[in-house]
Amino acid sequence: MRIVVPKEAEGERRVAMTPQVALRLIEDRHTVVIESGAGERAGFEDDDYRGAGVEVSHMPYEGADLVLVVGPPTPEQATLIPSGAALLGFLDPFSSADLVKVLTERNITAFAVEAIPRTTLAQGMDALSSQATAAGYHAVLLAATATPRFFPMLTTAAGTIPPTKVLVLGAGVAGLQAIATARRLGAVVSAYDIRPEVREQIESLGARFIAAPVDESVAAATGYAREVADETQRRQQDALAKSVADAEVVITTAQVPGRPAPLLVSREMVEGMSRGSVIVDVAAPTGGNCEVTRLGETVIHKGVVVIGPDDLPGRVAVDASHMYSRNLTAFIARITNDDAGLVIDFDDQIVSGACITHDGQVTHPVTRHGLGPEAKT
């Protein structure tokens, strides 16, 4: 196949394919083409790609069989993809009606990595998890920079400084990575997740599990979290209020694919925290877990610093891009045959689960439902 990697939108630092991983695709007899300058924000020069055997072009879409992206292309960019080609990346298909319309009109087979089933067989393709790892890690570094306190306990000639108390809300991949990173920095960490089965994982990392409402039904069959009822969410907030007030740093990570992030920290809970406390809302791009969060901004509310980052994985763009490239390469192996040609097996649950559009139709049921009755089926 001719695999094309275009430039990402301004502000996105990651790139969909790194030179090292591209080399594997070339060894598998694919041709890899990257738009000139596409890797610069992630630290990869055009010559790095040329050295790996990648073609560098100012007009990369021409003749493309498969286009790789990090973030969803605009509808205008999607018109540059050759009719009948395939597209793979984070596509936000549940709310991108204009993009999905262009993809169906141009007969583009689109695979959204956020829709890949979270199964053992698909672990190597799980881009949500790899990027959540980067997000959880850097969220703690942001908090450590913003707090006026030391994270670890320090014994000095001026006396003993107690460790920072960190609370992590949500113990998915981002939350667990945040717990591990905060612990490495020496903080005392507690954590909460509505899924009772993650208690063991939280405690294995040295954090204390917060006793609050749990719900065994919130894990969907695909491995993604589901929304909880309003009453459960209210009970969550009531039970977590004291833990939030006691914490000096709060990292919130709870997200539900295709839906707004659940509200875990109300304005009143923020106002109950001590001055100088810090909240880093990893879920800010999907609405935020904190009522005070503003995407892309740092808000100081009643002396509490609330950070709503919109580019956490991009702040560690080199490693985030490497992981993402490997995820895409694993999926590409799933949709190609021994002759390196594109073969789509809809009996394969991983392939069918990730496919959003094919043959001029919207194939993904959640996307179809979200777009309403006008979606082609």
Protein backbone atom coordinates (compact mmCIF):
# COMPACT_ATOMS: atom_id res chain seq x y z
CA MET A 1 0.00 0.00 0.00
CA ARG A 2 0.92 3.63 -0.38
CA ILE A 3 0.62 4.95 3.19
CA VAL A 4 0.46 8.72 3.55
CA VAL A 5 1.08 10.87 6.65
CA PRO A 6 -0.08 14.50 6.27
CA LYS A 7 0.71 17.45 8.53
CA GLU A 8 -1.45 17.77 11.60
CA ALA A 9 -3.45 20.87 12.49
CA GLU A 10 -1.65 23.78 14.09
CA GLY A 11 -1.19 23.09 17.79
CA GLU A 12 -0.89 19.31 17.47
CA ARG A 13 2.70 18.34 18.24
CA ARG A 14 2.43 14.61 17.63
CA VAL A 15 2.88 12.89 14.29
CA ALA A 16 1.11 9.74 13.15
CA MET A 17 4.29 7.94 12.07
CA THR A 18 7.85 8.23 13.34
CA PRO A 19 10.87 7.33 11.20
CA GLN A 20 11.75 4.30 13.32
CA VAL A 21 8.29 2.78 13.05
CA ALA A 22 7.92 3.73 9.37
CA LEU A 23 10.94 1.55 8.70
CA ARG A 24 8.93 -1.49 9.81
CA LEU A 25 6.18 -0.68 7.32
CA ILE A 26 8.72 -0.30 4.54
CA GLU A 27 10.24 -3.67 5.47
CA ASP A 28 6.72 -5.08 5.08
CA ARG A 29 6.76 -3.77 1.46
CA HIS A 30 4.61 -0.71 2.00
CA THR A 31 5.51 2.69 0.56
CA VAL A 32 5.40 5.42 3.20
CA VAL A 33 5.01 9.08 2.22
CA ILE A 34 5.07 11.99 4.66
CA GLU A 35 4.22 15.60 4.05
CA SER A 36 7.27 17.83 4.36
CA GLY A 37 7.56 19.23 7.88
CA ALA A 38 4.93 16.91 9.35
CA GLY A 39 7.27 15.56 12.00
CA GLU A 40 9.02 18.77 13.01
CA ARG A 41 6.82 19.59 16.02
CA ALA A 42 7.53 16.11 17.39
CA GLY A 43 11.27 16.52 16.86
CA PHE A 44 11.63 14.58 13.59
CA GLU A 45 13.17 16.30 10.57
CA ASP A 46 12.48 15.46 6.93
CA ASP A 47 15.99 13.99 6.65
CA ASP A 48 15.21 11.59 9.51
CA TYR A 49 12.38 10.19 7.41
CA ARG A 50 14.45 10.07 4.25
CA GLY A 51 17.09 8.12 6.15
CA ALA A 52 14.45 5.52 7.01
CA GLY A 53 13.37 5.22 3.37
CA VAL A 54 10.26 7.41 3.64
CA GLU A 55 9.31 9.64 0.72
CA VAL A 56 8.95 13.31 1.68
CA SER A 57 6.43 15.23 -0.40
CA HIS A 58 4.65 18.58 -0.56
CA MET A 59 1.63 16.85 -2.16
CA PRO A 60 1.34 13.64 -0.12
CA TYR A 61 -2.28 12.66 -0.80
CA GLU A 62 -1.74 11.77 -4.45
CA GLY A 63 -2.22 8.03 -4.99
CA ALA A 64 -2.79 7.31 -1.28
CA ASP A 65 -4.23 3.93 -0.33
CA LEU A 66 -4.21 4.66 3.42
CA VAL A 67 -3.95 8.01 5.23
CA LEU A 68 -2.72 8.11 8.85
CA VAL A 69 -3.63 10.99 11.15
CA VAL A 70 -3.43 11.87 14.84
CA GLY A 71 -6.39 14.23 15.06
CA PRO A 72 -9.42 14.21 12.75
CA PRO A 73 -8.95 16.00 9.44
CA THR A 74 -11.22 18.90 8.63
CA PRO A 75 -13.94 18.19 6.06
CA GLU A 76 -11.88 20.26 3.61
CA GLN A 77 -8.79 18.13 4.23
CA ALA A 78 -10.86 14.98 3.84
CA THR A 79 -11.72 16.02 0.28
CA LEU A 80 -8.01 15.65 -0.56
CA ILE A 81 -8.08 11.94 0.28
CA PRO A 82 -8.51 9.93 -2.93
CA SER A 83 -11.93 8.40 -3.38
CA GLY A 84 -11.93 4.77 -2.28
CA ALA A 85 -8.89 5.14 -0.02
CA ALA A 86 -8.78 4.37 3.72
CA LEU A 87 -8.27 6.66 6.72
CA LEU A 88 -6.97 5.68 10.17
CA GLY A 89 -6.61 7.78 13.31
CA PHE A 90 -8.48 9.63 16.05
CA LEU A 91 -11.57 10.78 14.12
CA ASP A 92 -14.03 11.83 16.85
CA PRO A 93 -16.73 10.08 14.80
CA PHE A 94 -19.44 10.34 17.43
CA SER A 95 -19.82 14.09 16.93
CA SER A 96 -18.08 14.92 13.63
CA ALA A 97 -21.12 14.89 11.36
CA ASP A 98 -19.56 17.08 8.65
CA LEU A 99 -16.45 14.91 8.44
CA VAL A 100 -18.42 11.67 8.34
CA LYS A 101 -20.58 13.11 5.56
CA VAL A 102 -17.50 13.82 3.41
CA LEU A 103 -16.08 10.36 4.13
CA THR A 104 -19.26 8.63 2.97
CA GLU A 105 -19.59 10.84 -0.10
CA ARG A 106 -16.02 10.06 -1.13
CA ASN A 107 -16.40 6.34 -0.44
CA ILE A 108 -13.57 6.43 2.10
CA THR A 109 -13.17 3.52 4.52
CA ALA A 110 -12.50 5.22 7.85
CA PHE A 111 -11.18 3.52 10.97
CA ALA A 112 -11.35 5.39 14.28
CA VAL A 113 -8.76 4.20 16.77
CA GLU A 114 -10.94 5.35 19.67
CA ALA A 115 -13.52 2.75 18.57
CA ILE A 116 -11.12 -0.22 18.62
CA PRO A 117 -12.51 -2.77 21.11
CA ARG A 118 -10.44 -2.91 24.30
CA THR A 119 -9.72 -6.62 24.28
CA THR A 120 -6.59 -8.61 25.01
CA LEU A 121 -6.16 -9.31 21.29
CA ALA A 122 -6.27 -5.59 20.48
CA GLN A 123 -3.88 -4.37 23.17
CA GLY A 124 -1.12 -3.52 20.71
CA MET A 125 -3.56 -1.31 18.76
CA ASP A 126 -5.01 0.50 21.77
CA ALA A 127 -4.10 4.09 20.99
CA LEU A 128 -6.48 5.43 23.63
CA SER A 129 -4.44 3.64 26.28
CA SER A 130 -1.05 4.65 24.93
CA GLN A 131 -2.01 8.31 24.73
CA ALA A 132 -3.73 8.16 28.11
CA THR A 133 -0.43 6.92 29.54
CA ALA A 134 1.25 10.07 28.26
CA ALA A 135 -1.59 12.25 29.53
CA GLY A 136 -1.61 10.77 33.04
CA TYR A 137 2.16 11.11 33.33
CA HIS A 138 2.32 14.73 32.26
CA ALA A 139 -0.73 15.75 34.28
CA VAL A 140 1.21 15.01 37.44
CA LEU A 141 4.22 16.98 36.21
CA LEU A 142 1.93 19.94 35.54
CA ALA A 143 0.53 19.68 39.05
CA ALA A 144 4.00 19.38 40.57
CA THR A 145 5.03 22.56 38.77
CA ALA A 146 1.88 24.46 39.74
CA THR A 147 1.75 23.53 43.43
CA PRO A 148 3.66 25.70 45.93
CA ARG A 149 4.58 22.52 47.83
CA PHE A 150 7.20 19.79 47.53
CA PHE A 151 5.77 16.46 46.41
CA PRO A 152 8.04 14.23 48.56
CA MET A 153 8.61 14.37 52.30
CA LEU A 154 11.85 16.20 52.98
CA THR A 155 13.87 16.12 56.18
CA THR A 156 15.93 19.28 56.36
CA ALA A 157 17.84 21.36 58.88
CA ALA A 158 14.77 23.61 58.91
CA GLY A 159 12.54 20.72 59.89
CA THR A 160 10.53 18.03 58.18
CA ILE A 161 8.33 18.94 55.21
CA PRO A 162 5.34 16.59 54.86
CA PRO A 163 4.58 15.04 51.45
CA THR A 164 1.87 16.46 49.21
CA LYS A 165 -1.51 14.75 49.40
CA VAL A 166 -2.64 13.79 45.89
CA LEU A 167 -6.10 12.53 44.96
CA VAL A 168 -6.65 10.82 41.59
CA LEU A 169 -10.24 10.50 40.36
CA GLY A 170 -10.66 7.80 37.75
CA ALA A 171 -8.38 4.77 37.60
CA GLY A 172 -8.28 3.97 33.92
CA VAL A 173 -4.96 4.03 32.10
CA ALA A 174 -4.44 7.78 32.63
CA GLY A 175 -5.41 7.56 36.29
CA LEU A 176 -3.18 4.60 37.03
CA GLN A 177 -0.25 6.31 35.32
CA ALA A 178 -0.96 9.45 37.34
CA ILE A 179 -0.94 7.40 40.55
CA ALA A 180 2.35 5.75 39.64
CA THR A 181 3.98 9.07 38.66
CA ALA A 182 2.81 10.87 41.79
CA ARG A 183 4.09 8.01 43.92
CA ARG A 184 7.48 8.14 42.18
CA LEU A 185 7.65 11.82 43.04
CA GLY A 186 7.05 10.95 46.69
CA ALA A 187 3.46 12.11 47.19
CA VAL A 188 0.92 10.39 49.43
CA VAL A 189 -1.74 9.24 46.97
CA SER A 190 -5.37 8.22 47.27
CA ALA A 191 -7.65 7.35 44.37
CA TYR A 192 -11.23 6.60 43.43
CA ASP A 193 -12.98 4.84 40.58
CA ILE A 194 -16.61 3.83 40.31
CA ARG A 195 -15.56 0.37 39.10
CA PRO A 196 -14.89 -1.81 42.14
CA GLU A 197 -12.59 -4.20 40.24
CA VAL A 198 -9.84 -1.57 39.94
CA ARG A 199 -9.35 -1.29 43.70
CA GLU A 200 -6.63 -3.95 43.58
CA GLN A 201 -4.78 -2.06 40.82
CA ILE A 202 -4.93 1.19 42.79
CA GLU A 203 -3.60 -0.43 45.94
CA SER A 204 -0.89 -2.33 44.06
CA LEU A 205 0.58 1.05 43.09
CA GLY A 206 0.75 2.12 46.72
CA ALA A 207 -2.31 4.36 46.75
CA ARG A 208 -5.26 4.27 49.14
CA PHE A 209 -8.64 3.39 47.62
CA ILE A 210 -11.38 5.89 48.53
CA ALA A 211 -14.60 4.36 49.77
CA ALA A 212 -17.36 5.94 47.67
CA PRO A 213 -20.20 4.68 45.44
CA VAL A 214 -19.18 1.88 43.08
CA ASP A 215 -21.13 0.38 40.20
CA GLU A 216 -20.28 -2.99 38.68
CA SER A 217 -22.37 -2.26 35.58
CA VAL A 218 -20.43 0.69 34.19
CA ALA A 219 -17.84 -1.30 32.21
CA ALA A 220 -19.21 -1.92 28.74
CA ALA A 221 -18.59 -5.14 26.83
CA THR A 222 -16.10 -3.29 24.62
CA GLY A 223 -13.94 -2.44 27.65
CA TYR A 224 -14.87 1.25 27.66
CA ALA A 225 -16.59 2.97 30.56
CA ARG A 226 -20.26 3.88 30.31
CA GLU A 227 -22.22 6.76 31.76
CA VAL A 228 -23.73 6.47 35.21
CA ALA A 229 -27.12 7.72 36.34
CA ASP A 230 -27.48 11.28 37.65
CA GLU A 231 -28.31 9.96 41.11
CA THR A 232 -25.12 7.88 41.19
CA GLN A 233 -23.13 10.92 40.08
CA ARG A 234 -24.67 13.01 42.86
CA ARG A 235 -23.79 10.36 45.45
CA GLN A 236 -20.25 10.29 44.07
CA GLN A 237 -19.84 14.02 44.63
CA ASP A 238 -21.27 13.84 48.15
CA ALA A 239 -18.94 10.99 49.11
CA LEU A 240 -15.86 12.56 47.51
CA ALA A 241 -16.30 16.06 48.92
CA LYS A 242 -14.21 15.44 52.05
CA SER A 243 -11.42 13.70 50.12
CA VAL A 244 -11.26 16.58 47.62
CA ALA A 245 -11.16 19.12 50.47
CA ASP A 246 -8.31 17.23 52.18
CA ALA A 247 -6.24 16.91 48.98
CA GLU A 248 -3.59 19.43 47.97
CA VAL A 249 -3.50 18.15 44.37
CA VAL A 250 -6.39 16.56 42.49
CA ILE A 251 -5.93 14.82 39.12
CA THR A 252 -9.22 14.02 37.38
CA THR A 253 -9.21 11.50 34.53
CA ALA A 254 -12.73 10.07 34.15
CA GLN A 255 -13.98 9.98 30.54
CA VAL A 256 -16.63 8.12 28.55
CA PRO A 257 -15.91 7.74 24.80
CA GLY A 258 -18.45 9.60 22.70
CA ARG A 259 -20.04 11.33 25.70
CA PRO A 260 -19.28 14.38 27.86
CA ALA A 261 -16.97 13.69 30.80
CA PRO A 262 -18.83 13.08 34.09
CA LEU A 263 -18.89 15.93 36.59
CA LEU A 264 -17.02 14.77 39.69
CA VAL A 265 -15.81 18.01 41.29
CA SER A 266 -18.44 20.72 41.70
CA ARG A 267 -17.76 24.42 42.14
CA GLU A 268 -18.62 24.07 45.83
CA MET A 269 -16.06 21.26 46.19
CA VAL A 270 -13.38 23.48 44.66
CA GLU A 271 -14.29 26.25 47.09
CA GLY A 272 -13.85 23.78 49.94
CA MET A 273 -10.17 23.18 49.07
CA SER A 274 -7.34 25.06 50.74
CA ARG A 275 -5.73 28.02 48.95
CA GLY A 276 -2.81 26.99 46.78
CA SER A 277 -4.34 23.60 45.97
CA VAL A 278 -4.17 22.42 42.36
CA ILE A 279 -6.57 20.55 40.10
CA VAL A 280 -5.43 19.16 36.75
CA ASP A 281 -8.43 18.08 34.68
CA VAL A 282 -7.24 15.47 32.17
CA ALA A 283 -10.83 15.20 30.91
CA ALA A 284 -10.94 18.87 29.89
CA PRO A 285 -11.11 18.11 26.12
CA THR A 286 -14.39 16.23 26.63
CA GLY A 287 -16.01 18.76 28.95
CA GLY A 288 -14.02 18.25 32.13
CA ASN A 289 -14.62 16.47 35.44
CA CYS A 290 -14.46 19.77 37.31
CA GLU A 291 -17.19 22.39 37.03
CA VAL A 292 -14.65 25.22 37.05
CA THR A 293 -12.46 23.82 34.25
CA ARG A 294 -11.95 25.84 31.07
CA LEU A 295 -10.34 24.03 28.18
CA GLY A 296 -6.86 25.27 27.39
CA GLU A 297 -6.82 27.67 30.35
CA THR A 298 -5.56 27.89 33.90
CA VAL A 299 -8.22 29.30 36.20
CA ILE A 300 -7.65 30.49 39.76
CA HIS A 301 -10.91 30.06 41.65
CA LYS A 302 -10.99 31.11 45.30
CA GLY A 303 -7.24 30.51 45.51
CA VAL A 304 -7.39 27.06 43.85
CA VAL A 305 -5.49 26.58 40.57
CA VAL A 306 -7.60 24.64 38.03
CA ILE A 307 -5.73 23.58 34.88
CA GLY A 308 -7.66 22.39 31.81
CA PRO A 309 -4.94 21.18 29.42
CA ASP A 310 -5.89 20.40 25.84
CA ASP A 311 -2.63 18.84 24.68
CA LEU A 312 -1.23 16.57 27.40
CA PRO A 313 0.08 13.76 25.15
CA GLY A 314 1.59 16.37 22.84
CA ARG A 315 3.74 17.67 25.68
CA VAL A 316 5.70 14.42 25.49
CA ALA A 317 5.38 14.30 21.70
CA VAL A 318 8.38 12.09 20.93
CA ASP A 319 7.34 9.11 23.02
CA ALA A 320 3.62 9.70 22.48
CA SER A 321 4.23 9.64 18.71
CA HIS A 322 6.33 6.47 18.95
CA MET A 323 3.59 4.68 20.89
CA TYR A 324 0.87 5.91 18.58
CA SER A 325 2.84 4.86 15.49
CA ARG A 326 3.21 1.37 16.89
CA ASN A 327 -0.53 1.22 17.59
CA LEU A 328 -1.31 2.17 13.99
CA THR A 329 1.23 -0.29 12.62
CA ALA A 330 -0.35 -3.12 14.60
CA PHE A 331 -3.76 -2.23 13.17
CA ILE A 332 -2.37 -1.95 9.64
CA ALA A 333 -1.08 -5.52 9.95
CA ARG A 334 -4.66 -6.49 10.76
CA ILE A 335 -6.06 -5.03 7.52
CA THR A 336 -3.40 -6.15 5.06
CA ASN A 337 -2.67 -9.45 3.39
CA ASP A 338 0.62 -11.19 2.68
CA ASP A 339 1.06 -9.07 -0.45
CA ALA A 340 0.78 -5.85 1.60
CA GLY A 341 -2.60 -5.07 0.07
CA LEU A 342 -5.63 -3.71 1.89
CA VAL A 343 -8.07 -6.45 2.96
CA ILE A 344 -11.00 -5.62 5.24
CA ASP A 345 -12.50 -8.58 7.06
CA PHE A 346 -15.76 -7.52 8.68
CA ASP A 347 -15.92 -10.85 10.47
CA ASP A 348 -12.94 -9.61 12.49
CA GLN A 349 -14.47 -7.87 15.53
CA ILE A 350 -11.48 -5.55 15.91
CA VAL A 351 -11.72 -4.35 12.31
CA SER A 352 -15.50 -4.07 12.23
CA GLY A 353 -15.57 -2.40 15.64
CA ALA A 354 -13.18 0.33 14.47
CA CYS A 355 -14.76 0.90 11.06
CA ILE A 356 -16.85 4.05 10.89
CA THR A 357 -17.57 4.36 7.17
CA HIS A 358 -17.24 1.96 4.25
CA ASP A 359 -18.61 1.74 0.72
CA GLY A 360 -20.46 5.05 1.11
CA GLN A 361 -22.21 3.97 4.31
CA VAL A 362 -21.91 4.74 8.03
CA THR A 363 -21.13 1.32 9.45
CA HIS A 364 -20.60 2.08 13.14
CA PRO A 365 -23.88 1.90 15.12
CA VAL A 366 -22.92 4.46 17.77
CA THR A 367 -21.79 6.94 15.12
CA ARG A 368 -24.96 6.31 13.12
CA HIS A 369 -27.11 6.88 16.19
CA GLY A 370 -25.24 10.05 17.13
CA LEU A 371 -25.59 11.55 13.66
CA GLY A 372 -29.33 10.97 13.61
CA PRO A 373 -31.69 9.79 10.87
CA GLU A 374 -29.84 11.56 8.05
CA ALA A 375 -26.82 9.23 8.37
CA LYS A 376 -26.50 6.74 5.54
CA THR A 377 -26.84 3.13 6.63
